[in-house]
Amino acid sequence: MSKPPIERVLYSAEEIQAKVNELGQQIARDYQGKALHLVGVLRGALPFLADLARAIDLPTVTLDFLSVRRRAGATPELLFDLDSSLEGRHVLLVEDLVSEGRTLAYLEKLLSVRRPASLKLCSLLRRDASVELAYKGWDYPEQGYLVGYGLDIEERWRQLPYIAVAQPSS
């Protein structure tokens, strides 16, 4: 395997786990006494969703996934839908990185018509502070490429245990 084009590590594996645990504790407090249904946006949110689910100390935490194609300037397109009904459930939509919020707005509209008891949004990273999230890890307003912990350049470097600033390969 070739070496990732890393400029600098932004968040170490230890920092990520500490942040995920902090978010998990906050979510568990907010959903105390309720069953929580986590919906992950594939592929990038998978590592975050898995760690977050383990960090949420509630008796019932269920998981589901969907996939969206995102192209610059275009309306997001649903590629893969949920397997389960959201009606009457407390749903937390989980993303790895939110930029302008177009994809989240699309998904929020798509999921809200399925009549969940509640629908909140969570992202590990947020570029635009005006995008409303119930739970977020860090604000990272700088543009550029991020890799690791689910983030990728052309489907590469998702498996890195840290998040780094990178240059796209030529």
C-alpha atoms as a PDB file:
ATOM      1  CA  MET A   1       0.000   0.000   0.000  1.00  0.00           C
ATOM      2  CA  SER A   2       1.324   3.426  -0.864  1.00  0.00           C
ATOM      3  CA  LYS A   3       1.783   6.082   1.767  1.00  0.00           C
ATOM      4  CA  PRO A   4      -1.136   8.539   2.176  1.00  0.00           C
ATOM      5  CA  PRO A   5      -0.385  12.103   1.032  1.00  0.00           C
ATOM      6  CA  ILE A   6      -0.531  13.553   4.558  1.00  0.00           C
ATOM      7  CA  GLU A   7       0.299  17.202   5.230  1.00  0.00           C
ATOM      8  CA  ARG A   8      -0.498  16.974   8.935  1.00  0.00           C
ATOM      9  CA  VAL A   9      -2.573  14.952  11.374  1.00  0.00           C
ATOM     10  CA  LEU A  10      -5.556  17.036  12.408  1.00  0.00           C
ATOM     11  CA  TYR A  11      -7.050  14.731  15.068  1.00  0.00           C
ATOM     12  CA  SER A  12      -5.282  11.682  16.483  1.00  0.00           C
ATOM     13  CA  ALA A  13      -7.048   8.377  17.083  1.00  0.00           C
ATOM     14  CA  GLU A  14      -7.023   9.169  20.812  1.00  0.00           C
ATOM     15  CA  GLU A  15      -8.567  12.610  20.286  1.00  0.00           C
ATOM     16  CA  ILE A  16     -11.252  11.131  18.061  1.00  0.00           C
ATOM     17  CA  GLN A  17     -12.155   8.454  20.603  1.00  0.00           C
ATOM     18  CA  ALA A  18     -12.328  11.034  23.398  1.00  0.00           C
ATOM     19  CA  LYS A  19     -14.654  13.211  21.293  1.00  0.00           C
ATOM     20  CA  VAL A  20     -16.829  10.234  20.291  1.00  0.00           C
ATOM     21  CA  ASN A  21     -17.125   9.183  23.949  1.00  0.00           C
ATOM     22  CA  GLU A  22     -18.088  12.737  24.917  1.00  0.00           C
ATOM     23  CA  LEU A  23     -20.770  12.806  22.213  1.00  0.00           C
ATOM     24  CA  GLY A  24     -22.005   9.355  23.244  1.00  0.00           C
ATOM     25  CA  GLN A  25     -22.432  10.479  26.847  1.00  0.00           C
ATOM     26  CA  GLN A  26     -24.307  13.615  25.788  1.00  0.00           C
ATOM     27  CA  ILE A  27     -26.601  11.629  23.478  1.00  0.00           C
ATOM     28  CA  ALA A  28     -27.265   9.008  26.190  1.00  0.00           C
ATOM     29  CA  ARG A  29     -28.274  11.773  28.630  1.00  0.00           C
ATOM     30  CA  ASP A  30     -30.573  13.376  26.056  1.00  0.00           C
ATOM     31  CA  TYR A  31     -32.266  10.099  25.094  1.00  0.00           C
ATOM     32  CA  GLN A  32     -32.456   8.574  28.580  1.00  0.00           C
ATOM     33  CA  GLY A  33     -35.472   6.258  28.777  1.00  0.00           C
ATOM     34  CA  LYS A  34     -35.903   6.149  24.995  1.00  0.00           C
ATOM     35  CA  ALA A  35     -34.876   3.727  22.284  1.00  0.00           C
ATOM     36  CA  LEU A  36     -32.554   5.394  19.771  1.00  0.00           C
ATOM     37  CA  HIS A  37     -32.278   4.568  16.075  1.00  0.00           C
ATOM     38  CA  LEU A  38     -29.007   5.655  14.464  1.00  0.00           C
ATOM     39  CA  VAL A  39     -28.990   6.187  10.699  1.00  0.00           C
ATOM     40  CA  GLY A  40     -25.540   6.323   9.133  1.00  0.00           C
ATOM     41  CA  VAL A  41     -24.765   7.897   5.787  1.00  0.00           C
ATOM     42  CA  LEU A  42     -22.544   5.461   3.906  1.00  0.00           C
ATOM     43  CA  ARG A  43     -19.661   5.164   3.383  1.00  0.00           C
ATOM     44  CA  GLY A  44     -17.832   7.830   5.310  1.00  0.00           C
ATOM     45  CA  ALA A  45     -19.877   7.764   8.506  1.00  0.00           C
ATOM     46  CA  LEU A  46     -19.336   4.042   9.124  1.00  0.00           C
ATOM     47  CA  PRO A  47     -16.333   4.241  11.526  1.00  0.00           C
ATOM     48  CA  PHE A  48     -17.895   7.159  13.421  1.00  0.00           C
ATOM     49  CA  LEU A  49     -21.294   5.469  13.623  1.00  0.00           C
ATOM     50  CA  ALA A  50     -19.820   2.202  14.911  1.00  0.00           C
ATOM     51  CA  ASP A  51     -17.785   3.928  17.614  1.00  0.00           C
ATOM     52  CA  LEU A  52     -20.631   6.269  18.521  1.00  0.00           C
ATOM     53  CA  ALA A  53     -23.101   3.386  18.905  1.00  0.00           C
ATOM     54  CA  ARG A  54     -20.717   1.709  21.363  1.00  0.00           C
ATOM     55  CA  ALA A  55     -20.319   4.991  23.289  1.00  0.00           C
ATOM     56  CA  ILE A  56     -24.074   5.495  23.799  1.00  0.00           C
ATOM     57  CA  ASP A  57     -25.061   3.816  27.055  1.00  0.00           C
ATOM     58  CA  LEU A  58     -28.738   3.119  26.406  1.00  0.00           C
ATOM     59  CA  PRO A  59     -30.582  -0.213  26.563  1.00  0.00           C
ATOM     60  CA  THR A  60     -31.742   0.029  22.946  1.00  0.00           C
ATOM     61  CA  VAL A  61     -29.633   1.492  20.138  1.00  0.00           C
ATOM     62  CA  THR A  62     -30.473   0.239  16.662  1.00  0.00           C
ATOM     63  CA  LEU A  63     -28.693   0.947  13.379  1.00  0.00           C
ATOM     64  CA  ASP A  64     -29.607   1.477   9.770  1.00  0.00           C
ATOM     65  CA  PHE A  65     -27.843   2.909   6.734  1.00  0.00           C
ATOM     66  CA  LEU A  66     -28.498   4.834   3.581  1.00  0.00           C
ATOM     67  CA  SER A  67     -26.262   6.067   0.808  1.00  0.00           C
ATOM     68  CA  VAL A  68     -26.351   9.316  -1.124  1.00  0.00           C
ATOM     69  CA  ARG A  69     -24.488  10.469  -4.219  1.00  0.00           C
ATOM     70  CA  ARG A  70     -23.213  13.995  -3.786  1.00  0.00           C
ATOM     71  CA  ARG A  71     -21.950  15.984  -6.713  1.00  0.00           C
ATOM     72  CA  ALA A  72     -20.859  19.599  -6.572  1.00  0.00           C
ATOM     73  CA  GLY A  73     -23.745  21.896  -7.440  1.00  0.00           C
ATOM     74  CA  ALA A  74     -26.210  19.042  -8.015  1.00  0.00           C
ATOM     75  CA  THR A  75     -29.126  17.856  -5.922  1.00  0.00           C
ATOM     76  CA  PRO A  76     -28.131  14.845  -3.796  1.00  0.00           C
ATOM     77  CA  GLU A  77     -29.397  11.492  -5.074  1.00  0.00           C
ATOM     78  CA  LEU A  78     -30.479   8.597  -2.864  1.00  0.00           C
ATOM     79  CA  LEU A  79     -28.595   5.447  -3.907  1.00  0.00           C
ATOM     80  CA  PHE A  80     -29.491   3.079  -1.093  1.00  0.00           C
ATOM     81  CA  ASP A  81     -32.452   3.470   1.263  1.00  0.00           C
ATOM     82  CA  LEU A  82     -33.130   2.312   4.805  1.00  0.00           C
ATOM     83  CA  ASP A  83     -34.260  -1.216   5.612  1.00  0.00           C
ATOM     84  CA  SER A  84     -36.523  -0.198   8.486  1.00  0.00           C
ATOM     85  CA  SER A  85     -39.448   2.104   9.163  1.00  0.00           C
ATOM     86  CA  LEU A  86     -38.810   5.339  11.070  1.00  0.00           C
ATOM     87  CA  GLU A  87     -42.399   5.883  12.154  1.00  0.00           C
ATOM     88  CA  GLY A  88     -42.597   6.683  15.859  1.00  0.00           C
ATOM     89  CA  ARG A  89     -38.846   6.206  16.412  1.00  0.00           C
ATOM     90  CA  HIS A  90     -36.272   8.602  17.821  1.00  0.00           C
ATOM     91  CA  VAL A  91     -33.824   8.964  14.927  1.00  0.00           C
ATOM     92  CA  LEU A  92     -30.322  10.400  14.934  1.00  0.00           C
ATOM     93  CA  LEU A  93     -28.857  10.909  11.449  1.00  0.00           C
ATOM     94  CA  VAL A  94     -25.076  10.450  11.625  1.00  0.00           C
ATOM     95  CA  GLU A  95     -22.599  11.967   9.138  1.00  0.00           C
ATOM     96  CA  ASP A  96     -18.804  12.158   9.055  1.00  0.00           C
ATOM     97  CA  LEU A  97     -18.426  15.660   7.568  1.00  0.00           C
ATOM     98  CA  VAL A  98     -20.965  18.385   6.848  1.00  0.00           C
ATOM     99  CA  SER A  99     -19.894  21.132   4.453  1.00  0.00           C
ATOM    100  CA  GLU A 100     -22.682  23.437   3.245  1.00  0.00           C
ATOM    101  CA  GLY A 101     -25.452  21.239   4.626  1.00  0.00           C
ATOM    102  CA  ARG A 102     -27.190  20.511   1.289  1.00  0.00           C
ATOM    103  CA  THR A 103     -27.020  16.746   1.737  1.00  0.00           C
ATOM    104  CA  LEU A 104     -28.201  16.950   5.344  1.00  0.00           C
ATOM    105  CA  ALA A 105     -31.106  19.211   4.357  1.00  0.00           C
ATOM    106  CA  TYR A 106     -32.062  16.731   1.623  1.00  0.00           C
ATOM    107  CA  LEU A 107     -31.888  13.789   4.051  1.00  0.00           C
ATOM    108  CA  GLU A 108     -33.712  15.632   6.812  1.00  0.00           C
ATOM    109  CA  LYS A 109     -36.598  16.357   4.422  1.00  0.00           C
ATOM    110  CA  LEU A 110     -36.570  12.768   3.104  1.00  0.00           C
ATOM    111  CA  LEU A 111     -36.619  11.228   6.590  1.00  0.00           C
ATOM    112  CA  SER A 112     -38.999  13.650   8.301  1.00  0.00           C
ATOM    113  CA  VAL A 113     -41.898  12.625   6.030  1.00  0.00           C
ATOM    114  CA  ARG A 114     -41.505   9.086   7.388  1.00  0.00           C
ATOM    115  CA  ARG A 115     -42.961  10.350  10.694  1.00  0.00           C
ATOM    116  CA  PRO A 116     -40.207   9.685  13.230  1.00  0.00           C
ATOM    117  CA  ALA A 117     -40.982  10.658  16.841  1.00  0.00           C
ATOM    118  CA  SER A 118     -37.918  12.898  16.607  1.00  0.00           C
ATOM    119  CA  LEU A 119     -35.156  13.514  14.085  1.00  0.00           C
ATOM    120  CA  LYS A 120     -31.840  15.085  15.031  1.00  0.00           C
ATOM    121  CA  LEU A 121     -28.558  15.513  13.187  1.00  0.00           C
ATOM    122  CA  CYS A 122     -25.033  14.568  14.263  1.00  0.00           C
ATOM    123  CA  SER A 123     -21.699  15.030  12.494  1.00  0.00           C
ATOM    124  CA  LEU A 124     -18.135  14.518  13.598  1.00  0.00           C
ATOM    125  CA  LEU A 125     -16.930  17.514  11.555  1.00  0.00           C
ATOM    126  CA  ARG A 126     -18.697  20.658  10.381  1.00  0.00           C
ATOM    127  CA  ARG A 127     -17.213  23.147   7.906  1.00  0.00           C
ATOM    128  CA  ASP A 128     -20.022  25.737   7.955  1.00  0.00           C
ATOM    129  CA  ALA A 129     -21.014  26.852  11.467  1.00  0.00           C
ATOM    130  CA  SER A 130     -24.411  28.021  10.161  1.00  0.00           C
ATOM    131  CA  VAL A 131     -25.440  24.386   9.566  1.00  0.00           C
ATOM    132  CA  GLU A 132     -27.569  23.414  12.568  1.00  0.00           C
ATOM    133  CA  LEU A 133     -26.595  20.171  14.281  1.00  0.00           C
ATOM    134  CA  ALA A 134     -27.857  18.712  17.539  1.00  0.00           C
ATOM    135  CA  TYR A 135     -24.453  17.051  18.074  1.00  0.00           C
ATOM    136  CA  LYS A 136     -21.086  17.828  16.545  1.00  0.00           C
ATOM    137  CA  GLY A 137     -17.511  16.901  17.185  1.00  0.00           C
ATOM    138  CA  TRP A 138     -15.469  19.760  15.777  1.00  0.00           C
ATOM    139  CA  ASP A 139     -15.859  22.787  13.565  1.00  0.00           C
ATOM    140  CA  TYR A 140     -13.258  22.720  10.816  1.00  0.00           C
ATOM    141  CA  PRO A 141     -13.952  25.667   8.499  1.00  0.00           C
ATOM    142  CA  GLU A 142     -10.844  25.299   6.356  1.00  0.00           C
ATOM    143  CA  GLN A 143     -11.308  23.894   2.880  1.00  0.00           C
ATOM    144  CA  GLY A 144      -9.121  21.138   1.555  1.00  0.00           C
ATOM    145  CA  TYR A 145      -8.980  17.391   1.633  1.00  0.00           C
ATOM    146  CA  LEU A 146      -9.391  15.368   4.796  1.00  0.00           C
ATOM    147  CA  VAL A 147      -8.668  11.658   4.988  1.00  0.00           C
ATOM    148  CA  GLY A 148      -8.963   8.956   7.598  1.00  0.00           C
ATOM    149  CA  TYR A 149     -11.641   7.707   9.982  1.00  0.00           C
ATOM    150  CA  GLY A 150     -14.053   7.289   7.065  1.00  0.00           C
ATOM    151  CA  LEU A 151     -13.006  10.356   5.078  1.00  0.00           C
ATOM    152  CA  ASP A 152     -11.438   9.680   1.697  1.00  0.00           C
ATOM    153  CA  ILE A 153      -9.927  10.918  -1.514  1.00  0.00           C
ATOM    154  CA  GLU A 154     -11.293   8.833  -4.391  1.00  0.00           C
ATOM    155  CA  GLU A 155     -12.263   6.003  -1.990  1.00  0.00           C
ATOM    156  CA  ARG A 156      -8.737   5.809  -0.504  1.00  0.00           C
ATOM    157  CA  TRP A 157      -7.445   6.361   3.035  1.00  0.00           C
ATOM    158  CA  ARG A 158     -10.777   5.786   4.847  1.00  0.00           C
ATOM    159  CA  GLN A 159      -9.143   3.130   7.022  1.00  0.00           C
ATOM    160  CA  LEU A 160      -6.649   5.468   8.718  1.00  0.00           C
ATOM    161  CA  PRO A 161      -7.303   5.648  12.488  1.00  0.00           C
ATOM    162  CA  TYR A 162      -6.774   9.425  12.562  1.00  0.00           C
ATOM    163  CA  ILE A 163      -8.046  12.391  10.543  1.00  0.00           C
ATOM    164  CA  ALA A 164      -5.453  14.221   8.479  1.00  0.00           C
ATOM    165  CA  VAL A 165      -5.187  17.079   6.041  1.00  0.00           C
ATOM    166  CA  ALA A 166      -4.015  15.685   2.718  1.00  0.00           C
ATOM    167  CA  GLN A 167      -3.237  16.601  -0.844  1.00  0.00           C
ATOM    168  CA  PRO A 168      -5.070  14.674  -3.555  1.00  0.00           C
ATOM    169  CA  SER A 169      -2.867  12.236  -5.412  1.00  0.00           C
ATOM    170  CA  SER A 170      -1.990  13.168  -8.945  1.00  0.00           C
END
